[in-house]
Protein backbone atom coordinates (compact mmCIF):
# COMPACT_ATOMS: atom_id res chain seq x y z
CA UNK A 1 0.05 0.02 -0.04
CA UNK A 2 1.15 3.55 -0.75
CA UNK A 3 1.88 5.91 2.26
CA UNK A 4 0.26 9.39 2.30
CA UNK A 5 3.26 11.15 0.60
CA UNK A 6 3.09 8.73 -2.30
CA UNK A 7 -0.65 9.14 -2.53
CA UNK A 8 -0.15 13.08 -2.71
CA UNK A 9 2.42 12.68 -5.33
CA UNK A 10 0.24 10.50 -7.45
CA UNK A 11 -2.70 12.81 -7.08
CA UNK A 12 -0.43 15.76 -8.07
CA UNK A 13 0.63 14.04 -11.20
CA UNK A 14 -2.91 12.96 -12.12
CA UNK A 15 -3.90 16.59 -11.61
CA UNK A 16 -1.19 17.81 -13.95
CA UNK A 17 -2.01 15.33 -16.60
CA UNK A 18 -5.77 16.42 -16.51
CA UNK A 19 -4.55 20.02 -16.64
CA UNK A 20 -2.51 19.46 -19.75
CA UNK A 21 -5.46 17.69 -21.44
CA UNK A 22 -7.71 20.59 -20.56
CA UNK A 23 -5.26 23.01 -21.85
CA UNK A 24 -5.32 21.29 -25.30
CA UNK A 25 -9.08 21.30 -25.19
CA UNK A 26 -9.39 24.96 -24.38
CA UNK A 27 -6.60 25.85 -26.85
CA UNK A 28 -8.36 24.04 -29.79
CA UNK A 29 -11.47 26.29 -29.18
CA UNK A 30 -9.97 29.59 -27.89
CA UNK A 31 -7.15 30.16 -30.50
CA UNK A 32 -9.42 29.80 -33.57
CA UNK A 33 -11.98 31.90 -31.78
CA UNK A 34 -9.47 34.69 -31.28
CA UNK A 35 -8.71 34.61 -35.03
CA UNK A 36 -12.37 34.69 -35.98
CA UNK A 37 -13.16 37.58 -33.48
CA UNK A 38 -10.21 39.70 -34.77
CA UNK A 39 -11.39 39.14 -38.46
CA UNK A 40 -14.93 40.08 -37.46
CA UNK A 41 -13.69 43.08 -35.52
CA UNK A 42 -11.84 44.36 -38.61
CA UNK A 43 -15.13 44.74 -40.71
CA UNK A 44 -16.24 48.15 -39.12
CA UNK A 45 -12.49 49.28 -38.92
CA UNK A 46 -12.26 48.77 -42.72
CA UNK A 47 -15.30 50.97 -43.22
CA UNK A 48 -14.03 53.61 -40.97
CA UNK A 49 -10.75 53.73 -42.68
CA UNK A 50 -12.37 53.92 -46.26
CA UNK A 51 -14.74 56.70 -45.20
CA UNK A 52 -11.81 58.53 -43.44
CA UNK A 53 -10.38 59.19 -46.84
CA UNK A 54 -13.46 61.22 -47.93
CA UNK A 55 -13.95 64.13 -45.66
CA UNK A 56 -14.25 64.92 -42.00
CA UNK A 57 -18.11 65.15 -41.96
CA UNK A 58 -18.26 61.62 -43.33
CA UNK A 59 -15.79 60.25 -40.76
CA UNK A 60 -17.55 62.12 -37.76
CA UNK A 61 -21.00 60.85 -38.89
CA UNK A 62 -19.80 57.22 -39.47
CA UNK A 63 -17.91 57.13 -36.21
CA UNK A 64 -20.86 58.24 -34.24
CA UNK A 65 -23.42 56.01 -36.24
CA UNK A 66 -20.99 52.98 -35.61
CA UNK A 67 -20.90 53.59 -32.01
CA UNK A 68 -24.73 54.13 -31.52
CA UNK A 69 -25.61 51.17 -33.77
CA UNK A 70 -23.18 48.90 -31.74
CA UNK A 71 -24.50 50.08 -28.39
CA UNK A 72 -28.26 49.94 -29.32
CA UNK A 73 -28.33 47.05 -31.72
CA UNK A 74 -25.40 44.69 -32.40
CA UNK A 75 -24.27 44.58 -28.84
CA UNK A 76 -27.80 43.68 -27.79
CA UNK A 77 -28.04 40.95 -30.39
CA UNK A 78 -24.62 39.63 -29.36
CA UNK A 79 -25.66 39.38 -25.73
CA UNK A 80 -29.07 37.84 -26.30
CA UNK A 81 -27.23 35.12 -28.48
CA UNK A 82 -25.33 34.25 -25.33
CA UNK A 83 -28.37 32.39 -24.36
CA UNK A 84 -27.43 29.75 -26.66
CA UNK A 85 -24.09 29.18 -24.87
CA UNK A 86 -26.17 27.91 -22.12
CA UNK A 87 -29.02 26.02 -23.81
CA UNK A 88 -27.06 24.74 -26.92
CA UNK A 89 -23.88 23.88 -25.08
CA UNK A 90 -25.73 21.79 -22.46
CA UNK A 91 -27.97 20.20 -25.03
CA UNK A 92 -24.85 19.20 -27.14
CA UNK A 93 -23.17 17.82 -24.05
CA UNK A 94 -26.32 15.84 -23.14
CA UNK A 95 -26.41 14.60 -26.80
CA UNK A 96 -29.83 16.08 -27.18
CA UNK A 97 -29.34 17.09 -30.81
CA UNK A 98 -32.85 17.83 -31.84
CA UNK A 99 -33.11 20.22 -29.03
CA UNK A 100 -29.79 21.74 -29.82
CA UNK A 101 -31.19 22.71 -33.37
CA UNK A 102 -34.56 23.88 -32.17
CA UNK A 103 -32.82 26.22 -29.69
CA UNK A 104 -30.91 27.81 -32.61
CA UNK A 105 -34.16 28.32 -34.56
CA UNK A 106 -35.72 29.96 -31.41
CA UNK A 107 -32.65 32.18 -31.01
CA UNK A 108 -33.10 33.48 -34.57
CA UNK A 109 -36.71 34.17 -34.07
CA UNK A 110 -36.10 35.97 -30.85
CA UNK A 111 -33.34 38.26 -32.27
CA UNK A 112 -35.49 38.95 -35.40
CA UNK A 113 -38.38 40.19 -33.11
CA UNK A 114 -35.97 42.41 -31.04
CA UNK A 115 -34.55 43.84 -34.27
CA UNK A 116 -37.99 45.61 -35.04
CA UNK A 117 -37.84 48.08 -32.13
CA UNK A 118 -34.23 48.59 -32.74
CA UNK A 119 -34.86 49.54 -36.31
CA UNK A 120 -37.48 52.16 -35.18
CA UNK A 121 -34.88 53.67 -32.91
CA UNK A 122 -32.32 53.80 -35.76
CA UNK A 123 -34.89 55.52 -37.95
CA UNK A 124 -35.14 58.45 -35.46
CA UNK A 125 -31.42 58.48 -34.81
CA UNK A 126 -30.97 62.04 -35.99
CA UNK A 127 -33.65 63.15 -33.47
CA UNK A 128 -31.67 61.39 -30.66
CA UNK A 129 -28.38 62.79 -31.60
CA UNK A 130 -29.65 66.50 -31.82
CA UNK A 131 -31.16 65.96 -28.35
CA UNK A 132 -27.70 65.02 -27.27
CA UNK A 133 -26.39 68.34 -28.63
CA UNK A 134 -24.74 66.83 -31.62
CA UNK A 135 -24.25 68.85 -34.80
CA UNK A 136 -27.46 68.62 -36.99
CA UNK A 137 -25.51 67.88 -40.12
CA UNK A 138 -23.48 65.15 -38.48
CA UNK A 139 -26.78 63.79 -37.03
CA UNK A 140 -28.59 63.66 -40.44
CA UNK A 141 -25.52 61.77 -42.14
CA UNK A 142 -25.23 59.48 -39.18
CA UNK A 143 -28.96 58.65 -39.53
CA UNK A 144 -28.50 57.95 -43.31
CA UNK A 145 -25.65 55.58 -42.51
CA UNK A 146 -27.69 53.73 -39.86
CA UNK A 147 -30.72 53.26 -42.15
CA UNK A 148 -28.48 51.36 -44.66
CA UNK A 149 -27.29 49.05 -41.87
CA UNK A 150 -30.81 47.83 -40.94
CA UNK A 151 -30.26 44.94 -43.50
CA UNK A 152 -27.27 44.14 -41.53
CA UNK A 153 -29.07 44.15 -38.37
CA UNK A 154 -31.65 41.47 -39.48
CA UNK A 155 -28.80 39.43 -41.05
CA UNK A 156 -27.18 39.67 -37.75
CA UNK A 157 -30.17 38.23 -36.10
CA UNK A 158 -29.43 35.01 -38.02
CA UNK A 159 -25.62 35.30 -37.94
CA UNK A 160 -25.14 35.64 -34.13
CA UNK A 161 -27.07 32.41 -33.34
CA UNK A 162 -25.35 30.65 -36.07
CA UNK A 163 -21.86 31.61 -34.73
CA UNK A 164 -23.11 30.12 -31.46
CA UNK A 165 -24.39 26.95 -33.19
CA UNK A 166 -20.75 26.38 -34.37
CA UNK A 167 -19.02 27.48 -31.22
CA UNK A 168 -20.87 25.12 -28.77
CA UNK A 169 -20.03 22.23 -31.00
CA UNK A 170 -16.44 23.34 -31.11
CA UNK A 171 -16.71 23.85 -34.87
CA UNK A 172 -14.58 26.82 -35.05
CA UNK A 173 -12.83 26.45 -38.46
CA UNK A 174 -15.94 27.34 -40.54
CA UNK A 175 -16.31 30.63 -38.75
CA UNK A 176 -12.47 31.42 -39.50
CA UNK A 177 -12.91 30.52 -43.18
CA UNK A 178 -16.19 32.59 -43.52
CA UNK A 179 -14.84 35.53 -41.61
CA UNK A 180 -11.69 35.57 -43.79
CA UNK A 181 -13.57 35.37 -47.04
CA UNK A 182 -16.12 38.06 -45.87
CA UNK A 183 -13.20 40.44 -44.91
CA UNK A 184 -11.71 40.10 -48.31
CA UNK A 185 -15.08 40.51 -49.86
CA UNK A 186 -15.63 43.67 -47.74
CA UNK A 187 -12.55 45.39 -48.59
CA UNK A 188 -13.13 45.08 -52.28
CA UNK A 189 -16.95 45.82 -52.29
CA UNK A 190 -16.47 48.79 -49.85
CA UNK A 191 -13.77 50.34 -52.09
CA UNK A 192 -16.04 49.89 -55.11
CA UNK A 193 -19.13 51.34 -53.62
CA UNK A 194 -17.30 54.21 -51.64
CA UNK A 195 -14.82 55.39 -54.43
CA UNK A 196 -15.79 53.96 -57.71
CA UNK A 197 -19.57 54.28 -57.63
CA UNK A 198 -19.13 57.54 -55.46
CA UNK A 199 -21.75 56.43 -52.79
CA UNK A 200 -19.64 57.83 -50.10
CA UNK A 201 -20.26 56.78 -46.51
CA UNK A 202 -23.55 55.29 -47.60
CA UNK A 203 -21.53 52.82 -49.81
CA UNK A 204 -19.64 51.59 -46.61
CA UNK A 205 -22.89 50.87 -44.84
CA UNK A 206 -24.38 48.97 -47.94
CA UNK A 207 -21.01 47.07 -48.20
CA UNK A 208 -21.23 46.01 -44.55
CA UNK A 209 -24.95 44.85 -44.95
CA UNK A 210 -23.82 42.76 -47.91
CA UNK A 211 -20.98 41.20 -45.97
CA UNK A 212 -23.23 40.24 -43.03
CA UNK A 213 -25.59 38.32 -45.39
CA UNK A 214 -22.77 36.88 -47.35
CA UNK A 215 -21.41 35.40 -43.95
CA UNK A 216 -24.92 34.04 -43.30
CA UNK A 217 -25.01 32.35 -46.66
CA UNK A 218 -21.60 30.86 -46.24
CA UNK A 219 -22.42 29.41 -42.64
CA UNK A 220 -25.81 28.18 -43.72
CA UNK A 221 -24.15 26.40 -46.74
CA UNK A 222 -21.77 24.78 -44.31
CA UNK A 223 -24.70 23.57 -42.00
CA UNK A 224 -26.55 22.27 -45.12
CA UNK A 225 -23.79 20.33 -46.80
CA UNK A 226 -21.18 19.38 -44.19
CA UNK A 227 -21.20 15.94 -42.43
CA UNK A 228 -20.05 17.68 -39.18
CA UNK A 229 -23.50 19.02 -38.70
CA UNK A 230 -25.43 15.71 -39.52
CA UNK A 231 -26.53 15.30 -35.86
CA UNK A 232 -27.60 18.97 -35.10
CA UNK A 233 -29.03 19.85 -38.43
CA UNK A 234 -32.70 19.47 -37.80
CA UNK A 235 -35.88 20.70 -39.75
CA UNK A 236 -37.76 23.66 -38.44
CA UNK A 237 -40.57 22.82 -35.90
CA UNK A 238 -43.35 24.66 -34.29
CA UNK A 239 -41.70 23.72 -31.08
CA UNK A 240 -39.12 26.51 -31.84
CA UNK A 241 -41.87 29.04 -31.15
CA UNK A 242 -43.00 27.31 -28.08
CA UNK A 243 -39.50 27.72 -26.61
CA UNK A 244 -39.38 31.48 -26.81
CA UNK A 245 -40.28 32.12 -23.23
CA UNK A 246 -37.52 29.87 -22.11
CA UNK A 247 -34.91 31.31 -24.38
CA UNK A 248 -35.81 34.85 -23.30
CA UNK A 249 -35.16 33.82 -19.58
CA UNK A 250 -31.53 33.16 -20.49
CA UNK A 251 -31.14 35.75 -23.52
CA UNK A 252 -32.40 38.89 -21.76
CA UNK A 253 -30.01 38.72 -18.64
CA UNK A 254 -27.09 37.70 -21.04
CA UNK A 255 -27.72 40.82 -23.25
CA UNK A 256 -27.96 43.15 -20.02
CA UNK A 257 -24.85 41.64 -18.79
CA UNK A 258 -22.81 42.27 -21.96
CA UNK A 259 -24.45 45.80 -22.45
CA UNK A 260 -24.10 47.26 -19.05
CA UNK A 261 -20.27 47.50 -19.04
CA UNK A 262 -20.33 48.57 -22.76
CA UNK A 263 -22.92 51.35 -21.96
CA UNK A 264 -20.80 52.41 -18.90
CA UNK A 265 -17.70 53.00 -21.00
CA UNK A 266 -19.70 55.05 -23.47
CA UNK A 267 -21.24 57.16 -20.73
CA UNK A 268 -17.77 58.03 -19.49
CA UNK A 269 -16.50 59.04 -23.02
CA UNK A 270 -19.54 61.16 -23.25
CA UNK A 271 -18.62 62.84 -19.82
CA UNK A 272 -15.10 63.64 -21.13
CA UNK A 273 -16.67 65.91 -23.61
CA UNK A 274 -17.73 68.13 -20.84
CA UNK A 275 -14.08 68.91 -19.57
CA UNK A 276 -12.41 72.29 -20.56
CA UNK A 277 -10.38 70.62 -23.16
CA UNK A 278 -12.80 68.05 -24.53
CA UNK A 279 -10.69 67.29 -27.73
CA UNK A 280 -7.79 66.11 -25.78
CA UNK A 281 -9.69 64.25 -23.13
CA UNK A 282 -12.10 62.40 -25.42
CA UNK A 283 -9.19 61.51 -27.73
CA UNK A 284 -7.11 59.92 -24.91
CA UNK A 285 -10.17 57.96 -23.46
CA UNK A 286 -10.98 56.76 -27.08
CA UNK A 287 -7.48 55.67 -27.64
CA UNK A 288 -7.62 53.63 -24.30
CA UNK A 289 -10.94 52.14 -25.31
CA UNK A 290 -9.72 51.25 -28.75
CA UNK A 291 -6.64 49.45 -27.37
CA UNK A 292 -8.75 47.74 -24.63
CA UNK A 293 -11.30 46.66 -27.24
CA UNK A 294 -8.69 45.45 -29.61
CA UNK A 295 -7.13 43.38 -26.79
CA UNK A 296 -10.50 41.97 -25.67
CA UNK A 297 -10.65 39.80 -28.94
CA UNK A 298 -8.04 37.62 -27.21
CA UNK A 299 -9.78 36.98 -23.95
CA UNK A 300 -13.11 36.82 -25.62
CA UNK A 301 -11.78 33.57 -27.24
CA UNK A 302 -10.89 32.16 -23.70
CA UNK A 303 -14.45 33.16 -22.66
CA UNK A 304 -16.08 31.43 -25.53
CA UNK A 305 -13.98 28.27 -24.78
CA UNK A 306 -14.83 27.99 -21.24
CA UNK A 307 -18.40 28.76 -21.91
CA UNK A 308 -18.31 25.84 -24.35
CA UNK A 309 -16.45 23.56 -22.13
CA UNK A 310 -18.60 24.31 -19.05
CA UNK A 311 -21.90 23.99 -20.85
CA UNK A 312 -20.94 20.74 -22.61
CA UNK A 313 -19.66 19.07 -19.28
CA UNK A 314 -22.66 20.32 -17.34
CA UNK A 315 -25.04 18.86 -19.98
CA UNK A 316 -22.91 15.59 -19.95
CA UNK A 317 -23.25 15.37 -16.19
CA UNK A 318 -19.52 15.92 -15.45
CA UNK A 319 -19.02 18.49 -12.54
CA UNK A 320 -15.44 17.44 -11.99
CA UNK A 321 -14.50 18.31 -15.57
CA UNK A 322 -16.18 21.71 -15.16
CA UNK A 323 -14.11 22.64 -12.19
CA UNK A 324 -10.97 21.60 -14.24
CA UNK A 325 -11.98 23.67 -17.30
CA UNK A 326 -12.68 26.83 -15.09
CA UNK A 327 -9.33 26.50 -13.33
CA UNK A 328 -7.40 25.90 -16.51
CA UNK A 329 -8.89 28.74 -18.55
CA UNK A 330 -8.45 31.12 -15.52
CA UNK A 331 -4.81 30.18 -15.54
CA UNK A 332 -4.29 30.75 -19.13
CA UNK A 333 -6.27 34.21 -18.93
CA UNK A 334 -4.00 35.25 -15.95
CA UNK A 335 -0.79 34.40 -17.98
CA UNK A 336 -1.88 36.24 -21.12
CA UNK A 337 -3.11 39.21 -19.07
CA UNK A 338 0.33 39.63 -17.40
CA UNK A 339 2.23 39.31 -20.71
CA UNK A 340 0.12 41.78 -22.46
CA UNK A 341 0.31 44.32 -19.50
CA UNK A 342 4.15 43.94 -19.38
CA UNK A 343 4.40 44.61 -23.14
CA UNK A 344 2.10 47.64 -23.07
CA UNK A 345 3.85 49.06 -19.95
CA UNK A 346 7.21 48.75 -21.49
CA UNK A 347 5.99 50.66 -24.71
CA UNK A 348 3.98 53.22 -22.74
CA UNK A 349 6.20 56.28 -23.86
CA UNK A 350 5.70 55.41 -27.80
CA UNK A 351 2.22 53.86 -27.64
CA UNK A 352 0.60 57.04 -28.20
CA UNK A 353 2.26 57.66 -31.47
CA UNK A 354 0.27 54.74 -33.00
CA UNK A 355 -2.78 57.03 -32.88
CA UNK A 356 -1.43 60.63 -32.98
CA UNK A 357 1.69 62.81 -33.54
CA UNK A 358 0.66 65.23 -31.00
CA UNK A 359 3.22 65.05 -28.01
CA UNK A 360 0.56 66.16 -25.58
CA UNK A 361 -1.63 63.27 -26.41
CA UNK A 362 1.31 60.77 -26.35
CA UNK A 363 2.46 61.88 -22.95
CA UNK A 364 -1.15 61.64 -21.72
CA UNK A 365 -1.55 58.17 -23.07
CA UNK A 366 1.86 57.15 -21.32
CA UNK A 367 0.37 58.52 -18.12
CA UNK A 368 -2.85 56.42 -18.66
CA UNK A 369 -0.97 53.31 -19.57
CA UNK A 370 -0.61 51.87 -15.97
CA UNK A 371 -4.33 52.27 -15.54
CA UNK A 372 -4.90 50.73 -18.92
CA UNK A 373 -2.72 47.74 -17.99
CA UNK A 374 -4.83 47.10 -14.93
CA UNK A 375 -8.07 47.53 -16.92
CA UNK A 376 -6.77 44.93 -19.42
CA UNK A 377 -5.75 42.47 -16.86
CA UNK A 378 -9.22 42.62 -15.13
CA UNK A 379 -10.69 42.21 -18.70
CA UNK A 380 -8.82 38.98 -19.12
CA UNK A 381 -10.35 37.63 -15.93
CA UNK A 382 -13.85 38.94 -16.41
CA UNK A 383 -14.11 37.47 -19.87
CA UNK A 384 -13.42 34.14 -18.61
CA UNK A 385 -15.71 34.54 -15.62
CA UNK A 386 -18.51 35.77 -17.92
CA UNK A 387 -18.02 32.88 -20.15
CA UNK A 388 -18.54 30.64 -17.06
CA UNK A 389 -21.79 32.47 -16.30
CA UNK A 390 -23.05 31.91 -19.85
CA UNK A 391 -22.15 28.34 -19.87
CA UNK A 392 -23.71 27.70 -16.45
CA UNK A 393 -26.88 29.72 -16.94
CA UNK A 394 -26.51 32.23 -14.12
CA UNK A 395 -26.33 35.28 -16.36
CA UNK A 396 -28.93 36.86 -14.07
CA UNK A 397 -26.17 37.06 -11.29
CA UNK A 398 -23.91 38.65 -13.70
CA UNK A 399 -26.58 41.36 -14.38
CA UNK A 400 -26.56 42.40 -10.74
CA UNK A 401 -22.71 42.22 -10.54
CA UNK A 402 -22.33 44.58 -13.47
CA UNK A 403 -25.06 46.88 -12.39
CA UNK A 404 -23.42 47.32 -8.95
CA UNK A 405 -19.89 47.40 -10.08
CA UNK A 406 -20.27 49.93 -12.88
CA UNK A 407 -23.30 51.95 -12.08
CA UNK A 408 -23.18 52.05 -8.11
CA UNK A 409 -19.44 52.24 -8.01
CA UNK A 410 -17.49 52.72 -11.25
CA UNK A 411 -19.36 55.60 -12.82
CA UNK A 412 -19.91 57.51 -9.54
CA UNK A 413 -16.19 57.21 -8.60
CA UNK A 414 -15.09 58.14 -12.22
CA UNK A 415 -17.32 61.15 -11.99
CA UNK A 416 -16.06 62.19 -8.59
CA UNK A 417 -12.35 61.86 -9.58
CA UNK A 418 -12.90 63.44 -12.97
CA UNK A 419 -14.86 66.52 -11.93
CA UNK A 420 -14.53 66.98 -8.18
CA UNK A 421 -10.80 65.93 -7.81
CA UNK A 422 -10.16 67.33 -11.32
CA UNK A 423 -8.32 64.16 -12.52
CA UNK A 424 -10.40 64.60 -15.86
CA UNK A 425 -10.01 61.66 -18.12
CA UNK A 426 -7.60 59.78 -15.76
CA UNK A 427 -10.27 59.97 -13.05
CA UNK A 428 -12.97 58.66 -15.52
CA UNK A 429 -10.62 55.76 -16.27
CA UNK A 430 -9.98 55.00 -12.61
CA UNK A 431 -13.67 54.73 -12.41
CA UNK A 432 -13.78 52.06 -15.26
CA UNK A 433 -10.91 50.16 -13.43
CA UNK A 434 -12.58 50.21 -10.08
CA UNK A 435 -15.71 48.92 -11.59
CA UNK A 436 -13.73 46.13 -13.41
CA UNK A 437 -11.79 45.17 -10.47
CA UNK A 438 -15.08 44.91 -8.33
CA UNK A 439 -16.70 43.00 -11.09
CA UNK A 440 -13.95 40.49 -11.37
CA UNK A 441 -13.97 39.98 -7.69
CA UNK A 442 -17.64 39.38 -7.27
CA UNK A 443 -17.83 37.14 -10.36
CA UNK A 444 -14.82 35.11 -8.90
CA UNK A 445 -16.62 34.74 -5.68
CA UNK A 446 -19.78 33.46 -7.36
CA UNK A 447 -17.72 31.02 -9.42
CA UNK A 448 -15.77 29.69 -6.33
CA UNK A 449 -18.95 29.36 -4.31
CA UNK A 450 -20.87 27.43 -7.25
CA UNK A 451 -22.01 23.94 -6.47
CA UNK A 452 -21.06 22.36 -9.87
CA UNK A 453 -22.88 19.03 -8.96
CA UNK A 454 -26.04 20.94 -8.49
CA UNK A 455 -25.60 22.84 -11.62
CA UNK A 456 -25.01 19.60 -13.50
CA UNK A 457 -28.26 18.10 -12.21
CA UNK A 458 -30.17 21.27 -13.06
CA UNK A 459 -28.78 21.36 -16.57
CA UNK A 460 -29.65 17.65 -17.10
CA UNK A 461 -33.15 18.22 -15.60
CA UNK A 462 -33.58 21.16 -18.06
CA UNK A 463 -32.48 19.28 -21.04
CA UNK A 464 -34.31 16.15 -20.35
CA UNK A 465 -37.59 18.03 -19.26
CA UNK A 466 -37.07 17.68 -15.63
CA UNK A 467 -36.44 13.85 -15.52
CA UNK A 468 -33.84 12.75 -13.13
CA UNK A 469 -30.38 12.47 -14.78
CA UNK A 470 -29.69 8.76 -13.93
CA UNK A 471 -32.94 7.82 -15.75
CA UNK A 472 -31.29 8.80 -19.01
CA UNK A 473 -28.36 6.48 -18.80
CA UNK A 474 -25.99 8.71 -17.03
CA UNK A 475 -24.50 8.04 -13.42
CA UNK A 476 -21.68 10.55 -13.95
CA UNK A 477 -23.32 13.14 -11.55
CA UNK A 478 -23.76 10.80 -8.66
CA UNK A 479 -20.19 9.52 -9.05
CA UNK A 480 -18.48 12.81 -9.49
């Protein structure tokens, strides 16, 4: 018989083996998701670059329209599609492939319904911008751009659920291929419409809408003809309509959880416009947000990976595997965050030159970089923890966390430091960092206190219509 020391050594070796296996599983999902998210992120960037070569009015209107359409439309859809990370992920883990397909239909219907009031909002975008004291000419051009994005909005109502359809099956390569093809198509189409056909900034919006539907067609073709989707490719059924209530219970909190932080950042940028030197303050905050958003494409892949792993293992009734997936992905996120922060901090004195030749702006960015590094590190943590929330199905707790972290703490702290303490943009960003730190702490606490065995039982009961897990041929929950 082995003594206690040998037992501990054997357990340590076993844990390391499991960790290495889990790292490989997470890497197979996370790395391709990072590539796909970067390619998708570049679509609006290409539009902005093209339009930037027209005139200042077009650039300003497109920048404002892009910000508002993201905040009021595409971010809402992206958040709502997160409900599939719970339902589809757990259904796939439980091998309930018919429900997997039906959940996807339900999501498409749900997002399409939500797109109707968003469309009405976009139609009156100029009125909203004028109420926000924006230049009337910019407001009119922004509205025109937003109107031509409406087809993209309804295409996105199909595209967002489709990407979750592939993600929760760990089929990431089709998304990389389609995103790469769409980006190439967008560059060519946008150039032709903007410059050759002289449609201006409207041409950029038309090109973007074309590309969203082109992406939809590519992914639907893969679903239709690929053998990888044989099990999950199911015909449409009226059951998809009956599941709207259940889907909204997960989709709405998921959307609110995503949008609360996004909106908080936008509010702070708007507040920067009230300072004595608004051009400098808003420019620096915009640079920090741009860097932070670009970096977020990396931890977003980690969040997608852990969401898939957690939901699949909960559906399969493996709480032990869930704990390993969470621990492994958090370790990867911490490592990545530290590396990125070290690189940014070492480049802080030249970082601003990537965005401006103004020495005042460059110096201001250097001063902000330590805070930016702290924000980026917390983003790496919270993206994983938010992925755990989506995979587990406790998005409603994430809503309370984000509401408290950013609206009860982050924004008030930022406003006090920015306006009362006269730290200006630095004070506003300290507010963002404070909210992010509190958000990460609370989500970590919830994750640490989660009873994964109970979560696995709840997932199985949901997927199997409230029948006990062991009646469906699985004893993994009771033995975990």
